[in-house]
Full PDB file with SEQRES, HELIX, SHEET, SSBOND, CRYST1, ORIGX, SCALE, CONECT and MASTER records, all heavy atoms in Angstrom:
SEQRES   1 A   33  GLU ALA TYR THR MET ALA LYS ALA GLU ALA LYS ASN ALA          
SEQRES   2 A   33  PHE THR SER ASP VAL VAL TYR MET GLU LYS TYR LEU GLN          
SEQRES   3 A   33  LYS PRO ARG HIS ILE GLU MET                                  
HELIX    1 AA1 ALA A    2  PHE A   14  1                                  13    
CRYST1    1.000    1.000    1.000  90.00  90.00  90.00 P 1           1          
ORIGX1      1.000000  0.000000  0.000000        0.00000                         
ORIGX2      0.000000  1.000000  0.000000        0.00000                         
ORIGX3      0.000000  0.000000  1.000000        0.00000                         
SCALE1      1.000000  0.000000  0.000000        0.00000                         
SCALE2      0.000000  1.000000  0.000000        0.00000                         
SCALE3      0.000000  0.000000  1.000000        0.00000                         
ATOM      1  N   GLU A   1     -20.062 -24.487  42.693  1.00  0.00           N  
ATOM      2  CA  GLU A   1     -20.857 -23.569  43.502  1.00  0.00           C  
ATOM      3  C   GLU A   1     -20.282 -23.429  44.906  1.00  0.00           C  
ATOM      4  O   GLU A   1     -20.195 -22.321  45.461  1.00  0.00           O  
ATOM      5  CB  GLU A   1     -22.311 -24.046  43.583  1.00  0.00           C  
ATOM      6  CG  GLU A   1     -23.232 -23.110  44.348  1.00  0.00           C  
ATOM      7  CD  GLU A   1     -24.672 -23.569  44.362  1.00  0.00           C  
ATOM      8  OE1 GLU A   1     -24.947 -24.673  43.845  1.00  0.00           O  
ATOM      9  OE2 GLU A   1     -25.516 -22.851  44.918  1.00  0.00           O  
ATOM     10  N   ALA A   2     -19.872 -24.546  45.500  1.00  0.00           N  
ATOM     11  CA  ALA A   2     -19.339 -24.534  46.862  1.00  0.00           C  
ATOM     12  C   ALA A   2     -18.086 -23.673  46.970  1.00  0.00           C  
ATOM     13  O   ALA A   2     -17.932 -22.885  47.915  1.00  0.00           O  
ATOM     14  CB  ALA A   2     -19.036 -25.962  47.329  1.00  0.00           C  
ATOM     15  N   TYR A   3     -17.198 -23.816  46.012  1.00  0.00           N  
ATOM     16  CA  TYR A   3     -15.944 -23.047  46.015  1.00  0.00           C  
ATOM     17  C   TYR A   3     -16.232 -21.545  45.934  1.00  0.00           C  
ATOM     18  O   TYR A   3     -15.711 -20.743  46.717  1.00  0.00           O  
ATOM     19  CB  TYR A   3     -15.077 -23.477  44.827  1.00  0.00           C  
ATOM     20  CG  TYR A   3     -13.812 -22.657  44.668  1.00  0.00           C  
ATOM     21  CD1 TYR A   3     -12.691 -22.900  45.451  1.00  0.00           C  
ATOM     22  CD2 TYR A   3     -13.743 -21.636  43.706  1.00  0.00           C  
ATOM     23  CE1 TYR A   3     -11.534 -22.159  45.301  1.00  0.00           C  
ATOM     24  CE2 TYR A   3     -12.584 -20.875  43.557  1.00  0.00           C  
ATOM     25  CZ  TYR A   3     -11.480 -21.142  44.353  1.00  0.00           C  
ATOM     26  OH  TYR A   3     -10.347 -20.394  44.204  1.00  0.00           O  
ATOM     27  N   THR A   4     -17.105 -21.138  45.005  1.00  0.00           N  
ATOM     28  CA  THR A   4     -17.431 -19.741  44.803  1.00  0.00           C  
ATOM     29  C   THR A   4     -18.127 -19.143  46.050  1.00  0.00           C  
ATOM     30  O   THR A   4     -17.774 -18.056  46.509  1.00  0.00           O  
ATOM     31  CB  THR A   4     -18.354 -19.565  43.590  1.00  0.00           C  
ATOM     32  OG1 THR A   4     -17.699 -20.118  42.430  1.00  0.00           O  
ATOM     33  CG2 THR A   4     -18.646 -18.105  43.322  1.00  0.00           C  
ATOM     34  N   MET A   5     -19.076 -19.874  46.610  1.00  0.00           N  
ATOM     35  CA  MET A   5     -19.835 -19.375  47.763  1.00  0.00           C  
ATOM     36  C   MET A   5     -18.966 -19.307  49.014  1.00  0.00           C  
ATOM     37  O   MET A   5     -19.052 -18.355  49.798  1.00  0.00           O  
ATOM     38  CB  MET A   5     -21.053 -20.265  48.003  1.00  0.00           C  
ATOM     39  CG  MET A   5     -22.127 -20.143  46.925  1.00  0.00           C  
ATOM     40  SD  MET A   5     -23.577 -21.172  47.252  1.00  0.00           S  
ATOM     41  CE  MET A   5     -24.235 -20.372  48.715  1.00  0.00           C  
ATOM     42  N   ALA A   6     -18.102 -20.331  49.189  1.00  0.00           N  
ATOM     43  CA  ALA A   6     -17.245 -20.336  50.368  1.00  0.00           C  
ATOM     44  C   ALA A   6     -16.271 -19.161  50.336  1.00  0.00           C  
ATOM     45  O   ALA A   6     -16.044 -18.502  51.364  1.00  0.00           O  
ATOM     46  CB  ALA A   6     -16.474 -21.652  50.454  1.00  0.00           C  
ATOM     47  N   LYS A   7     -15.715 -18.867  49.166  1.00  0.00           N  
ATOM     48  CA  LYS A   7     -14.794 -17.731  49.030  1.00  0.00           C  
ATOM     49  C   LYS A   7     -15.511 -16.409  49.322  1.00  0.00           C  
ATOM     50  O   LYS A   7     -14.967 -15.536  50.009  1.00  0.00           O  
ATOM     51  CB  LYS A   7     -14.175 -17.712  47.626  1.00  0.00           C  
ATOM     52  CG  LYS A   7     -13.039 -18.702  47.433  1.00  0.00           C  
ATOM     53  CD  LYS A   7     -12.441 -18.597  46.044  1.00  0.00           C  
ATOM     54  CE  LYS A   7     -11.534 -17.390  45.884  1.00  0.00           C  
ATOM     55  NZ  LYS A   7     -10.275 -17.520  46.654  1.00  0.00           N  
ATOM     56  N   ALA A   8     -16.720 -16.287  48.810  1.00  0.00           N  
ATOM     57  CA  ALA A   8     -17.463 -15.040  49.007  1.00  0.00           C  
ATOM     58  C   ALA A   8     -17.806 -14.848  50.496  1.00  0.00           C  
ATOM     59  O   ALA A   8     -17.673 -13.747  51.042  1.00  0.00           O  
ATOM     60  CB  ALA A   8     -18.736 -15.070  48.167  1.00  0.00           C  
ATOM     61  N   GLU A   9     -18.272 -15.925  51.135  1.00  0.00           N  
ATOM     62  CA  GLU A   9     -18.591 -15.851  52.573  1.00  0.00           C  
ATOM     63  C   GLU A   9     -17.347 -15.545  53.397  1.00  0.00           C  
ATOM     64  O   GLU A   9     -17.396 -14.771  54.351  1.00  0.00           O  
ATOM     65  CB  GLU A   9     -19.226 -17.164  53.045  1.00  0.00           C  
ATOM     66  CG  GLU A   9     -20.700 -17.272  52.757  1.00  0.00           C  
ATOM     67  CD  GLU A   9     -21.329 -18.468  53.445  1.00  0.00           C  
ATOM     68  OE1 GLU A   9     -20.725 -18.979  54.417  1.00  0.00           O  
ATOM     69  OE2 GLU A   9     -22.416 -18.895  53.017  1.00  0.00           O  
ATOM     70  N   ALA A  10     -16.244 -16.166  53.040  1.00  0.00           N  
ATOM     71  CA  ALA A  10     -15.005 -15.966  53.775  1.00  0.00           C  
ATOM     72  C   ALA A  10     -14.543 -14.515  53.657  1.00  0.00           C  
ATOM     73  O   ALA A  10     -14.133 -13.908  54.644  1.00  0.00           O  
ATOM     74  CB  ALA A  10     -13.923 -16.908  53.232  1.00  0.00           C  
ATOM     75  N   LYS A  11     -14.647 -13.969  52.471  1.00  0.00           N  
ATOM     76  CA  LYS A  11     -14.241 -12.579  52.241  1.00  0.00           C  
ATOM     77  C   LYS A  11     -15.098 -11.631  53.068  1.00  0.00           C  
ATOM     78  O   LYS A  11     -14.594 -10.682  53.696  1.00  0.00           O  
ATOM     79  CB  LYS A  11     -14.375 -12.240  50.752  1.00  0.00           C  
ATOM     80  CG  LYS A  11     -13.975 -10.818  50.373  1.00  0.00           C  
ATOM     81  CD  LYS A  11     -12.483 -10.594  50.505  1.00  0.00           C  
ATOM     82  CE  LYS A  11     -12.061  -9.236  50.004  1.00  0.00           C  
ATOM     83  NZ  LYS A  11     -10.609  -9.006  50.190  1.00  0.00           N  
ATOM     84  N   ASN A  12     -16.381 -11.916  53.111  1.00  0.00           N  
ATOM     85  CA  ASN A  12     -17.313 -11.034  53.830  1.00  0.00           C  
ATOM     86  C   ASN A  12     -17.135 -11.137  55.339  1.00  0.00           C  
ATOM     87  O   ASN A  12     -17.200 -10.133  56.050  1.00  0.00           O  
ATOM     88  CB  ASN A  12     -18.754 -11.416  53.455  1.00  0.00           C  
ATOM     89  CG  ASN A  12     -19.768 -10.515  54.116  1.00  0.00           C  
ATOM     90  OD1 ASN A  12     -19.722  -9.300  53.962  1.00  0.00           O  
ATOM     91  ND2 ASN A  12     -20.688 -11.099  54.862  1.00  0.00           N  
ATOM     92  N   ALA A  13     -16.887 -12.353  55.837  1.00  0.00           N  
ATOM     93  CA  ALA A  13     -16.819 -12.558  57.277  1.00  0.00           C  
ATOM     94  C   ALA A  13     -15.434 -12.336  57.878  1.00  0.00           C  
ATOM     95  O   ALA A  13     -15.314 -11.899  59.013  1.00  0.00           O  
ATOM     96  CB  ALA A  13     -17.306 -13.969  57.619  1.00  0.00           C  
ATOM     97  N   PHE A  14     -14.384 -12.668  57.092  1.00  0.00           N  
ATOM     98  CA  PHE A  14     -13.036 -12.654  57.676  1.00  0.00           C  
ATOM     99  C   PHE A  14     -12.039 -11.806  56.895  1.00  0.00           C  
ATOM    100  O   PHE A  14     -10.859 -11.818  57.176  1.00  0.00           O  
ATOM    101  CB  PHE A  14     -12.510 -14.088  57.764  1.00  0.00           C  
ATOM    102  CG  PHE A  14     -13.475 -15.058  58.378  1.00  0.00           C  
ATOM    103  CD1 PHE A  14     -14.083 -16.038  57.619  1.00  0.00           C  
ATOM    104  CD2 PHE A  14     -13.811 -14.954  59.724  1.00  0.00           C  
ATOM    105  CE1 PHE A  14     -14.986 -16.926  58.189  1.00  0.00           C  
ATOM    106  CE2 PHE A  14     -14.716 -15.830  60.308  1.00  0.00           C  
ATOM    107  CZ  PHE A  14     -15.308 -16.837  59.532  1.00  0.00           C  
ATOM    108  N   THR A  15     -12.495 -11.082  55.875  1.00  0.00           N  
ATOM    109  CA  THR A  15     -11.694 -10.219  54.991  1.00  0.00           C  
ATOM    110  C   THR A  15     -10.794 -11.023  54.047  1.00  0.00           C  
ATOM    111  O   THR A  15     -10.486 -10.579  52.959  1.00  0.00           O  
ATOM    112  CB  THR A  15     -10.823  -9.189  55.766  1.00  0.00           C  
ATOM    113  OG1 THR A  15      -9.795  -9.860  56.477  1.00  0.00           O  
ATOM    114  CG2 THR A  15     -11.670  -8.361  56.699  1.00  0.00           C  
ATOM    115  N   SER A  16     -10.374 -12.217  54.442  1.00  0.00           N  
ATOM    116  CA  SER A  16      -9.570 -13.069  53.549  1.00  0.00           C  
ATOM    117  C   SER A  16     -10.462 -14.091  52.876  1.00  0.00           C  
ATOM    118  O   SER A  16     -11.307 -14.719  53.525  1.00  0.00           O  
ATOM    119  CB  SER A  16      -8.487 -13.800  54.350  1.00  0.00           C  
ATOM    120  OG  SER A  16      -7.858 -14.796  53.559  1.00  0.00           O  
ATOM    121  N   ASP A  17     -10.304 -14.272  51.553  1.00  0.00           N  
ATOM    122  CA  ASP A  17     -11.125 -15.257  50.844  1.00  0.00           C  
ATOM    123  C   ASP A  17     -10.375 -16.551  50.569  1.00  0.00           C  
ATOM    124  O   ASP A  17     -10.795 -17.365  49.740  1.00  0.00           O  
ATOM    125  CB  ASP A  17     -11.665 -14.658  49.530  1.00  0.00           C  
ATOM    126  CG  ASP A  17     -10.557 -14.418  48.514  1.00  0.00           C  
ATOM    127  OD1 ASP A  17      -9.361 -14.523  48.863  1.00  0.00           O  
ATOM    128  OD2 ASP A  17     -10.894 -14.139  47.338  1.00  0.00           O  
ATOM    129  N   VAL A  18      -9.270 -16.802  51.270  1.00  0.00           N  
ATOM    130  CA  VAL A  18      -8.508 -18.032  51.085  1.00  0.00           C  
ATOM    131  C   VAL A  18      -9.292 -19.211  51.678  1.00  0.00           C  
ATOM    132  O   VAL A  18      -9.728 -19.167  52.825  1.00  0.00           O  
ATOM    133  CB  VAL A  18      -7.119 -17.933  51.736  1.00  0.00           C  
ATOM    134  CG1 VAL A  18      -6.355 -19.239  51.592  1.00  0.00           C  
ATOM    135  CG2 VAL A  18      -6.326 -16.780  51.131  1.00  0.00           C  
ATOM    136  N   VAL A  19      -9.435 -20.251  50.881  1.00  0.00           N  
ATOM    137  CA  VAL A  19     -10.157 -21.437  51.327  1.00  0.00           C  
ATOM    138  C   VAL A  19      -9.316 -22.685  51.060  1.00  0.00           C  
ATOM    139  O   VAL A  19      -8.397 -22.674  50.240  1.00  0.00           O  
ATOM    140  CB  VAL A  19     -11.525 -21.591  50.636  1.00  0.00           C  
ATOM    141  CG1 VAL A  19     -12.449 -20.436  50.989  1.00  0.00           C  
ATOM    142  CG2 VAL A  19     -11.366 -21.691  49.103  1.00  0.00           C  
ATOM    143  N   TYR A  20      -9.651 -23.732  51.778  1.00  0.00           N  
ATOM    144  CA  TYR A  20      -9.012 -25.035  51.560  1.00  0.00           C  
ATOM    145  C   TYR A  20     -10.097 -26.111  51.668  1.00  0.00           C  
ATOM    146  O   TYR A  20     -11.279 -25.787  51.816  1.00  0.00           O  
ATOM    147  CB  TYR A  20      -7.890 -25.259  52.571  1.00  0.00           C  
ATOM    148  CG  TYR A  20      -8.357 -25.442  54.000  1.00  0.00           C  
ATOM    149  CD1 TYR A  20      -8.328 -26.695  54.594  1.00  0.00           C  
ATOM    150  CD2 TYR A  20      -8.827 -24.360  54.749  1.00  0.00           C  
ATOM    151  CE1 TYR A  20      -8.768 -26.868  55.911  1.00  0.00           C  
ATOM    152  CE2 TYR A  20      -9.257 -24.530  56.045  1.00  0.00           C  
ATOM    153  CZ  TYR A  20      -9.230 -25.780  56.625  1.00  0.00           C  
ATOM    154  OH  TYR A  20      -9.663 -25.948  57.906  1.00  0.00           O  
ATOM    155  N   MET A  21      -9.706 -27.375  51.591  1.00  0.00           N  
ATOM    156  CA  MET A  21     -10.679 -28.434  51.499  1.00  0.00           C  
ATOM    157  C   MET A  21     -10.326 -29.586  52.438  1.00  0.00           C  
ATOM    158  O   MET A  21      -9.146 -29.867  52.672  1.00  0.00           O  
ATOM    159  CB  MET A  21     -10.716 -28.955  50.062  1.00  0.00           C  
ATOM    160  CG  MET A  21     -11.691 -30.070  49.769  1.00  0.00           C  
ATOM    161  SD  MET A  21     -11.388 -30.764  48.120  1.00  0.00           S  
ATOM    162  CE  MET A  21     -11.518 -29.280  47.114  1.00  0.00           C  
ATOM    163  N   GLU A  22     -11.363 -30.233  52.983  1.00  0.00           N  
ATOM    164  CA  GLU A  22     -11.152 -31.433  53.778  1.00  0.00           C  
ATOM    165  C   GLU A  22     -12.182 -32.496  53.394  1.00  0.00           C  
ATOM    166  O   GLU A  22     -13.243 -32.179  52.841  1.00  0.00           O  
ATOM    167  CB  GLU A  22     -11.325 -31.121  55.273  1.00  0.00           C  
ATOM    168  CG  GLU A  22     -10.192 -30.346  55.892  1.00  0.00           C  
ATOM    169  CD  GLU A  22     -10.374 -30.071  57.362  1.00  0.00           C  
ATOM    170  OE1 GLU A  22     -11.514 -30.199  57.844  1.00  0.00           O  
ATOM    171  OE2 GLU A  22      -9.389 -29.712  58.010  1.00  0.00           O  
ATOM    172  N   LYS A  23     -11.866 -33.731  53.675  1.00  0.00           N  
ATOM    173  CA  LYS A  23     -12.814 -34.818  53.481  1.00  0.00           C  
ATOM    174  C   LYS A  23     -14.021 -34.571  54.363  1.00  0.00           C  
ATOM    175  O   LYS A  23     -13.893 -34.180  55.541  1.00  0.00           O  
ATOM    176  CB  LYS A  23     -12.160 -36.146  53.860  1.00  0.00           C  
ATOM    177  CG  LYS A  23     -13.085 -37.363  53.757  1.00  0.00           C  
ATOM    178  CD  LYS A  23     -13.396 -37.707  52.317  1.00  0.00           C  
ATOM    179  CE  LYS A  23     -14.270 -38.977  52.239  1.00  0.00           C  
ATOM    180  NZ  LYS A  23     -14.675 -39.245  50.835  1.00  0.00           N  
ATOM    181  N   TYR A  24     -15.209 -34.745  53.825  1.00  0.00           N  
ATOM    182  CA  TYR A  24     -16.428 -34.533  54.600  1.00  0.00           C  
ATOM    183  C   TYR A  24     -16.861 -35.858  55.211  1.00  0.00           C  
ATOM    184  O   TYR A  24     -17.224 -36.806  54.500  1.00  0.00           O  
ATOM    185  CB  TYR A  24     -17.533 -34.000  53.666  1.00  0.00           C  
ATOM    186  CG  TYR A  24     -18.861 -33.753  54.349  1.00  0.00           C  
ATOM    187  CD1 TYR A  24     -18.988 -32.766  55.311  1.00  0.00           C  
ATOM    188  CD2 TYR A  24     -19.993 -34.494  54.012  1.00  0.00           C  
ATOM    189  CE1 TYR A  24     -20.200 -32.528  55.946  1.00  0.00           C  
ATOM    190  CE2 TYR A  24     -21.212 -34.257  54.616  1.00  0.00           C  
ATOM    191  CZ  TYR A  24     -21.307 -33.274  55.574  1.00  0.00           C  
ATOM    192  OH  TYR A  24     -22.512 -33.045  56.207  1.00  0.00           O  
ATOM    193  N   LEU A  25     -16.771 -35.918  56.528  1.00  0.00           N  
ATOM    194  CA  LEU A  25     -17.198 -37.116  57.250  1.00  0.00           C  
ATOM    195  C   LEU A  25     -18.726 -37.046  57.406  1.00  0.00           C  
ATOM    196  O   LEU A  25     -19.251 -36.025  57.814  1.00  0.00           O  
ATOM    197  CB  LEU A  25     -16.511 -37.204  58.597  1.00  0.00           C  
ATOM    198  CG  LEU A  25     -14.972 -37.212  58.557  1.00  0.00           C  
ATOM    199  CD1 LEU A  25     -14.395 -37.266  59.966  1.00  0.00           C  
ATOM    200  CD2 LEU A  25     -14.456 -38.362  57.709  1.00  0.00           C  
ATOM    201  N   GLN A  26     -19.416 -38.150  57.144  1.00  0.00           N  
ATOM    202  CA  GLN A  26     -20.872 -38.105  57.021  1.00  0.00           C  
ATOM    203  C   GLN A  26     -21.636 -38.355  58.313  1.00  0.00           C  
ATOM    204  O   GLN A  26     -22.800 -37.988  58.422  1.00  0.00           O  
ATOM    205  CB  GLN A  26     -21.324 -39.061  55.926  1.00  0.00           C  
ATOM    206  CG  GLN A  26     -20.737 -38.684  54.554  1.00  0.00           C  
ATOM    207  CD  GLN A  26     -21.376 -39.439  53.422  1.00  0.00           C  
ATOM    208  OE1 GLN A  26     -22.581 -39.303  53.177  1.00  0.00           O  
ATOM    209  NE2 GLN A  26     -20.590 -40.216  52.681  1.00  0.00           N  
ATOM    210  N   LYS A  27     -21.013 -38.999  59.314  1.00  0.00           N  
ATOM    211  CA  LYS A  27     -21.735 -39.214  60.571  1.00  0.00           C  
ATOM    212  C   LYS A  27     -20.782 -39.103  61.790  1.00  0.00           C  
ATOM    213  O   LYS A  27     -20.776 -39.955  62.663  1.00  0.00           O  
ATOM    214  CB  LYS A  27     -22.394 -40.589  60.566  1.00  0.00           C  
ATOM    215  CG  LYS A  27     -21.453 -41.733  60.171  1.00  0.00           C  
ATOM    216  CD  LYS A  27     -22.125 -43.064  60.289  1.00  0.00           C  
ATOM    217  CE  LYS A  27     -21.128 -44.181  59.979  1.00  0.00           C  
ATOM    218  NZ  LYS A  27     -21.680 -45.515  60.208  1.00  0.00           N  
ATOM    219  N   PRO A  28     -20.001 -38.045  61.825  1.00  0.00           N  
ATOM    220  CA  PRO A  28     -19.042 -37.912  62.942  1.00  0.00           C  
ATOM    221  C   PRO A  28     -19.650 -37.284  64.192  1.00  0.00           C  
ATOM    222  O   PRO A  28     -20.708 -36.663  64.140  1.00  0.00           O  
ATOM    223  CB  PRO A  28     -17.994 -36.976  62.359  1.00  0.00           C  
ATOM    224  CG  PRO A  28     -18.781 -36.050  61.497  1.00  0.00           C  
ATOM    225  CD  PRO A  28     -19.885 -36.911  60.907  1.00  0.00           C  
ATOM    226  N   ARG A  29     -18.962 -37.477  65.286  1.00  0.00           N  
ATOM    227  CA  ARG A  29     -19.239 -36.726  66.500  1.00  0.00           C  
ATOM    228  C   ARG A  29     -18.176 -35.661  66.635  1.00  0.00           C  
ATOM    229  O   ARG A  29     -17.077 -35.800  66.112  1.00  0.00           O  
ATOM    230  CB  ARG A  29     -19.240 -37.657  67.715  1.00  0.00           C  
ATOM    231  CG  ARG A  29     -20.348 -38.681  67.681  1.00  0.00           C  
ATOM    232  CD  ARG A  29     -20.310 -39.564  68.890  1.00  0.00           C  
ATOM    233  NE  ARG A  29     -20.959 -38.934  70.045  1.00  0.00           N  
ATOM    234  CZ  ARG A  29     -22.107 -39.383  70.585  1.00  0.00           C  
ATOM    235  NH1 ARG A  29     -22.735 -40.417  70.075  1.00  0.00           N  
ATOM    236  NH2 ARG A  29     -22.628 -38.772  71.654  1.00  0.00           N  
ATOM    237  N   HIS A  30     -18.535 -34.576  67.325  1.00  0.00           N  
ATOM    238  CA  HIS A  30     -17.605 -33.469  67.557  1.00  0.00           C  
ATOM    239  C   HIS A  30     -17.076 -33.633  68.998  1.00  0.00           C  
ATOM    240  O   HIS A  30     -17.802 -33.388  69.952  1.00  0.00           O  
ATOM    241  CB  HIS A  30     -18.329 -32.143  67.386  1.00  0.00           C  
ATOM    242  CG  HIS A  30     -17.438 -30.949  67.480  1.00  0.00           C  
ATOM    243  ND1 HIS A  30     -17.467 -29.937  66.547  1.00  0.00           N  
ATOM    244  CD2 HIS A  30     -16.498 -30.580  68.381  1.00  0.00           C  
ATOM    245  CE1 HIS A  30     -16.584 -29.012  66.874  1.00  0.00           C  
ATOM    246  NE2 HIS A  30     -15.980 -29.387  67.999  1.00  0.00           N  
ATOM    247  N   ILE A  31     -15.815 -34.041  69.083  1.00  0.00           N  
ATOM    248  CA  ILE A  31     -15.167 -34.243  70.380  1.00  0.00           C  
ATOM    249  C   ILE A  31     -14.046 -33.231  70.543  1.00  0.00           C  
ATOM    250  O   ILE A  31     -13.225 -33.068  69.632  1.00  0.00           O  
ATOM    251  CB  ILE A  31     -14.593 -35.672  70.509  1.00  0.00           C  
ATOM    252  CG1 ILE A  31     -15.647 -36.731  70.203  1.00  0.00           C  
ATOM    253  CG2 ILE A  31     -13.962 -35.870  71.892  1.00  0.00           C  
ATOM    254  CD1 ILE A  31     -16.741 -36.840  71.223  1.00  0.00           C  
ATOM    255  N   GLU A  32     -13.992 -32.561  71.693  1.00  0.00           N  
ATOM    256  CA  GLU A  32     -12.927 -31.603  71.915  1.00  0.00           C  
ATOM    257  C   GLU A  32     -12.223 -31.880  73.247  1.00  0.00           C  
ATOM    258  O   GLU A  32     -12.838 -32.414  74.171  1.00  0.00           O  
ATOM    259  CB  GLU A  32     -13.453 -30.165  71.863  1.00  0.00           C  
ATOM    260  CG  GLU A  32     -14.524 -29.843  72.888  1.00  0.00           C  
ATOM    261  CD  GLU A  32     -15.099 -28.460  72.715  1.00  0.00           C  
ATOM    262  OE1 GLU A  32     -15.155 -27.970  71.560  1.00  0.00           O  
ATOM    263  OE2 GLU A  32     -15.503 -27.842  73.733  1.00  0.00           O  
ATOM    264  N   MET A  33     -10.936 -31.516  73.289  1.00  0.00           N  
ATOM    265  CA  MET A  33     -10.131 -31.742  74.482  1.00  0.00           C  
ATOM    266  C   MET A  33      -9.668 -30.404  75.053  1.00  0.00           C  
ATOM    267  O   MET A  33      -9.072 -29.585  74.341  1.00  0.00           O  
ATOM    268  CB  MET A  33      -8.891 -32.587  74.160  1.00  0.00           C  
ATOM    269  CG  MET A  33      -9.177 -34.011  73.719  1.00  0.00           C  
ATOM    270  SD  MET A  33      -9.971 -35.036  74.992  1.00  0.00           S  
ATOM    271  CE  MET A  33      -8.846 -34.836  76.364  1.00  0.00           C  
TER     272      MET A  33                                                      
MASTER        0    0    0    1    0    0    0    6  271    1    0    3          
END                                                                             
């Protein structure tokens, strides 16, 4: 379901439906530099 929905959302929002995958960290903080 995740693969299908992500591709559909990507196509609708960004015209390209190319997706990739990353490990999902369960309790991270978002730090930017």
